[in-house]
Amino acid sequence: MILERIRIYLSKLINGDVPLVVIFWLWFIFISVCIETFMQVGFQFNNKNIYLELFIYFLILSYSIFVFFITFKSANKYQGSKFWSFSAKTIVTLNLFFSIAFFVETYKYYFLEDYYIEKDIEDFKQNLPIQVDLNSVLIDIYKKEKSIFYKYTLFGIDLSNEKTKNMFTKQIKDSLCESETTLALLKKDYILAYKYTNENDEELLDIQTKKEDCGESIYDLDIVNSLLKQQGV
């Protein structure tokens, strides 16, 4: 009996026979708020899993398409205010547009971006070795998961002293945190691993830089740009 009632209700829902006010306030607004609340709470207590997160966003996108469909079906049969019918259609259309855009951006962030970075690295490797400055030559670069490895050969720099090593390490990390290109990678949780060897290929220093090494001010410029954008500057 219960299953039959559910089947009948879903049939009415899909055919646009459920009142528009119920579709909009219950199926769109209320359930969307519940989903948003569930996601915020769930992501706070669970470690990020890319595939799980992408799957959840796919379900949200599918639900947005479903709401878009049933809203239009109901609005087309609505006999009341044309303004209300038009407003409901417009709002769910915008919601669907943002859901699609957000899903695409999330997919690109987790998958396509890695592909493009790997492709750039492979293209860049064709030009190696490269003389970076008077004292260093970049001889190799490769990517493994969320780490990008750079291998340099150093000339004329003595790193046997601990103080010199610390100064050199700080200089490298500061330059990575200040460079727009490397900073963009760090913000995406990449680890930049710089390995330095001497002319005999003996390891001198291994420097790993994470976004935490750049301090809390790493996002300051993004905040400023966002504020300027909001003000139309």
Protein backbone atom coordinates (compact mmCIF):
# COMPACT_ATOMS: atom_id res chain seq x y z
CA MET A 1 0.00 0.00 0.00
CA ILE A 2 2.76 2.44 0.95
CA LEU A 3 4.79 1.57 -2.14
CA GLU A 4 1.72 2.08 -4.30
CA ARG A 5 1.15 5.53 -2.78
CA ILE A 6 4.79 6.44 -3.39
CA ARG A 7 4.50 5.26 -6.99
CA ILE A 8 1.35 7.32 -7.54
CA TYR A 9 2.91 10.41 -5.95
CA LEU A 10 6.10 10.11 -8.01
CA SER A 11 3.99 9.70 -11.13
CA LYS A 12 2.10 12.91 -10.28
CA LEU A 13 5.41 14.62 -9.50
CA ILE A 14 6.96 13.71 -12.85
CA ASN A 15 3.80 14.59 -14.77
CA GLY A 16 3.62 18.05 -13.18
CA ASP A 17 0.44 17.36 -11.20
CA VAL A 18 1.95 18.32 -7.82
CA PRO A 19 1.26 22.00 -6.93
CA LEU A 20 4.06 24.40 -7.89
CA VAL A 21 4.28 25.79 -4.35
CA VAL A 22 5.03 22.28 -3.02
CA ILE A 23 7.61 21.65 -5.74
CA PHE A 24 9.40 24.93 -5.11
CA TRP A 25 9.37 25.17 -1.31
CA LEU A 26 9.62 21.49 -0.41
CA TRP A 27 11.45 19.74 -3.24
CA PHE A 28 13.73 22.67 -4.10
CA ILE A 29 14.28 25.03 -1.15
CA PHE A 30 13.83 22.73 1.86
CA ILE A 31 15.66 19.68 0.47
CA SER A 32 18.47 21.88 -0.93
CA VAL A 33 19.01 23.40 2.52
CA CYS A 34 19.05 19.90 4.07
CA ILE A 35 21.61 18.71 1.51
CA GLU A 36 23.82 21.77 2.10
CA THR A 37 23.67 21.29 5.88
CA PHE A 38 24.44 17.58 5.58
CA MET A 39 27.44 18.30 3.35
CA GLN A 40 28.90 20.93 5.68
CA VAL A 41 28.58 18.65 8.71
CA GLY A 42 29.76 15.56 6.83
CA PHE A 43 32.90 17.18 5.38
CA GLN A 44 33.87 18.51 8.81
CA PHE A 45 34.01 15.05 10.35
CA ASN A 46 35.39 13.08 7.42
CA ASN A 47 38.72 13.16 5.64
CA LYS A 48 38.47 14.41 2.08
CA ASN A 49 38.05 11.67 -0.46
CA ILE A 50 38.15 13.05 -3.98
CA TYR A 51 36.02 10.34 -5.54
CA LEU A 52 33.42 10.42 -2.77
CA GLU A 53 33.26 14.21 -2.95
CA LEU A 54 32.90 14.17 -6.74
CA PHE A 55 30.20 11.48 -6.49
CA ILE A 56 28.24 13.61 -4.00
CA TYR A 57 28.47 16.63 -6.29
CA PHE A 58 27.29 14.43 -9.17
CA LEU A 59 24.25 13.39 -7.11
CA ILE A 60 23.54 17.05 -6.34
CA LEU A 61 23.79 17.88 -10.04
CA SER A 62 21.42 15.01 -10.86
CA TYR A 63 18.99 16.27 -8.23
CA SER A 64 19.20 19.81 -9.65
CA ILE A 65 18.29 18.42 -13.09
CA PHE A 66 15.38 16.52 -11.53
CA VAL A 67 14.11 19.64 -9.71
CA PHE A 68 14.49 21.67 -12.90
CA PHE A 69 12.39 19.11 -14.80
CA ILE A 70 9.54 18.78 -12.26
CA THR A 71 9.41 22.56 -11.67
CA PHE A 72 8.95 23.27 -15.37
CA LYS A 73 6.33 20.51 -15.67
CA SER A 74 4.35 21.93 -12.75
CA ALA A 75 4.85 25.59 -13.74
CA ASN A 76 3.55 24.89 -17.26
CA LYS A 77 0.29 23.60 -15.74
CA TYR A 78 0.08 26.34 -13.11
CA GLN A 79 -3.10 28.41 -13.43
CA GLY A 80 -2.17 31.20 -11.02
CA SER A 81 0.20 34.18 -11.26
CA LYS A 82 2.36 34.16 -14.37
CA PHE A 83 5.01 36.08 -12.44
CA TRP A 84 5.23 33.34 -9.81
CA SER A 85 5.46 30.66 -12.50
CA PHE A 86 8.18 32.61 -14.35
CA SER A 87 10.12 33.32 -11.13
CA ALA A 88 10.14 29.65 -10.13
CA LYS A 89 11.41 28.65 -13.57
CA THR A 90 14.10 31.33 -13.52
CA ILE A 91 15.38 30.40 -10.05
CA VAL A 92 15.65 26.65 -10.73
CA THR A 93 17.30 27.40 -14.09
CA LEU A 94 19.95 29.52 -12.37
CA ASN A 95 20.39 26.81 -9.74
CA LEU A 96 20.94 24.20 -12.46
CA PHE A 97 23.41 26.47 -14.24
CA PHE A 98 25.47 26.97 -11.05
CA SER A 99 25.30 23.25 -10.22
CA ILE A 100 26.67 22.34 -13.65
CA ALA A 101 29.38 25.02 -13.47
CA PHE A 102 30.41 23.93 -9.96
CA PHE A 103 30.54 20.24 -10.92
CA VAL A 104 32.64 20.99 -14.01
CA GLU A 105 35.05 23.16 -12.00
CA THR A 106 35.35 20.48 -9.31
CA TYR A 107 36.05 17.82 -11.93
CA LYS A 108 38.68 20.01 -13.61
CA TYR A 109 40.28 20.83 -10.25
CA TYR A 110 40.72 17.19 -9.27
CA PHE A 111 41.35 15.51 -12.62
CA LEU A 112 41.98 17.66 -15.69
CA GLU A 113 44.32 20.02 -13.88
CA ASP A 114 46.61 17.13 -12.96
CA TYR A 115 46.60 16.05 -16.58
CA TYR A 116 47.57 19.54 -17.80
CA ILE A 117 50.31 19.86 -15.18
CA GLU A 118 51.79 16.48 -16.15
CA LYS A 119 51.65 17.44 -19.83
CA ASP A 120 53.43 20.75 -19.13
CA ILE A 121 56.11 18.90 -17.17
CA GLU A 122 56.66 16.39 -19.97
CA ASP A 123 56.92 19.21 -22.52
CA PHE A 124 59.32 21.11 -20.26
CA LYS A 125 61.55 18.03 -19.86
CA GLN A 126 62.28 18.12 -23.58
CA ASN A 127 64.38 21.27 -22.98
CA LEU A 128 66.46 19.91 -20.10
CA PRO A 129 69.11 20.49 -18.90
CA ILE A 130 68.57 24.23 -18.40
CA GLN A 131 71.06 26.67 -16.91
CA VAL A 132 68.99 28.46 -14.26
CA ASP A 133 71.73 30.80 -13.04
CA LEU A 134 75.51 30.91 -12.66
CA ASN A 135 75.49 28.27 -9.93
CA SER A 136 72.71 25.83 -10.83
CA VAL A 137 71.44 23.67 -13.70
CA LEU A 138 68.02 22.03 -13.71
CA ILE A 139 68.61 18.48 -14.95
CA ASP A 140 65.33 16.69 -14.20
CA ILE A 141 61.69 17.31 -13.27
CA TYR A 142 58.86 14.86 -12.74
CA LYS A 143 55.53 14.53 -10.94
CA LYS A 144 54.39 11.78 -8.59
CA GLU A 145 50.89 12.08 -7.13
CA LYS A 146 50.75 15.49 -5.40
CA SER A 147 54.52 16.08 -5.41
CA ILE A 148 56.63 17.71 -8.11
CA PHE A 149 60.32 16.85 -7.99
CA TYR A 150 63.10 19.10 -9.31
CA LYS A 151 66.72 17.97 -9.51
CA TYR A 152 69.50 20.54 -9.76
CA THR A 153 73.27 20.35 -10.11
CA LEU A 154 75.07 23.05 -8.10
CA PHE A 155 78.40 24.65 -9.00
CA GLY A 156 80.60 26.83 -6.82
CA ILE A 157 78.38 26.77 -3.71
CA ASP A 158 79.64 25.20 -0.49
CA LEU A 159 76.76 23.73 1.54
CA SER A 160 78.88 21.86 4.06
CA ASN A 161 78.16 24.49 6.71
CA GLU A 162 74.80 24.07 8.52
CA LYS A 163 74.21 27.80 8.67
CA THR A 164 74.76 28.14 4.92
CA LYS A 165 72.35 25.24 4.33
CA ASN A 166 69.65 26.90 6.42
CA MET A 167 70.10 30.22 4.65
CA PHE A 168 69.98 28.53 1.24
CA THR A 169 66.84 26.57 2.22
CA LYS A 170 65.10 29.73 3.43
CA GLN A 171 66.03 31.56 0.23
CA ILE A 172 64.55 28.77 -1.93
CA LYS A 173 61.33 28.53 0.10
CA ASP A 174 60.86 32.30 0.09
CA SER A 175 61.29 32.46 -3.68
CA LEU A 176 58.72 29.65 -4.17
CA CYS A 177 56.23 31.41 -1.91
CA GLU A 178 56.68 34.67 -3.83
CA SER A 179 56.49 33.26 -7.36
CA GLU A 180 52.98 33.37 -8.83
CA THR A 181 53.46 30.08 -10.70
CA THR A 182 54.79 27.99 -7.82
CA LEU A 183 52.44 29.65 -5.33
CA ALA A 184 49.46 28.52 -7.44
CA LEU A 185 50.74 24.93 -7.20
CA LEU A 186 51.27 25.16 -3.45
CA LYS A 187 47.71 26.45 -2.96
CA LYS A 188 46.48 23.31 -4.70
CA ASP A 189 48.28 21.23 -2.04
CA TYR A 190 51.23 20.26 -4.22
CA ILE A 191 54.58 19.64 -2.54
CA LEU A 192 57.58 21.09 -4.37
CA ALA A 193 60.65 18.94 -3.74
CA TYR A 194 64.00 20.47 -4.74
CA LYS A 195 66.97 18.11 -4.73
CA TYR A 196 70.47 19.57 -5.14
CA THR A 197 73.52 17.51 -6.08
CA ASN A 198 77.14 18.36 -6.79
CA GLU A 199 79.02 17.72 -10.04
CA ASN A 200 79.60 14.11 -8.96
CA ASP A 201 75.83 13.57 -8.51
CA GLU A 202 76.22 13.40 -4.72
CA GLU A 203 73.21 14.76 -2.85
CA LEU A 204 73.84 18.06 -1.08
CA LEU A 205 70.37 19.16 -0.04
CA ASP A 206 66.73 18.11 -0.29
CA ILE A 207 64.20 20.90 0.21
CA GLN A 208 60.47 20.18 0.39
CA THR A 209 58.12 23.13 0.33
CA LYS A 210 54.43 22.96 1.30
CA LYS A 211 51.85 25.73 1.40
CA GLU A 212 52.19 25.80 5.20
CA ASP A 213 55.78 27.02 4.74
CA CYS A 214 54.44 30.20 3.16
CA GLY A 215 52.50 31.21 6.28
CA GLU A 216 48.89 32.27 6.76
CA SER A 217 49.30 35.21 4.38
CA ILE A 218 49.35 32.85 1.37
CA TYR A 219 45.71 33.72 0.57
CA ASP A 220 45.90 37.46 1.35
CA LEU A 221 46.22 38.44 -2.32
CA ASP A 222 43.24 36.24 -3.24
CA ILE A 223 41.11 37.96 -0.58
CA VAL A 224 42.12 41.41 -1.82
CA ASN A 225 41.37 40.45 -5.44
CA SER A 226 38.00 39.05 -4.39
CA LEU A 227 37.08 42.25 -2.56
CA LEU A 228 38.15 44.38 -5.52
CA LYS A 229 36.10 42.19 -7.85
CA GLN A 230 33.02 42.59 -5.65
CA GLN A 231 33.48 46.35 -5.75
CA GLY A 232 33.78 46.25 -9.53
CA VAL A 233 37.39 47.43 -9.55
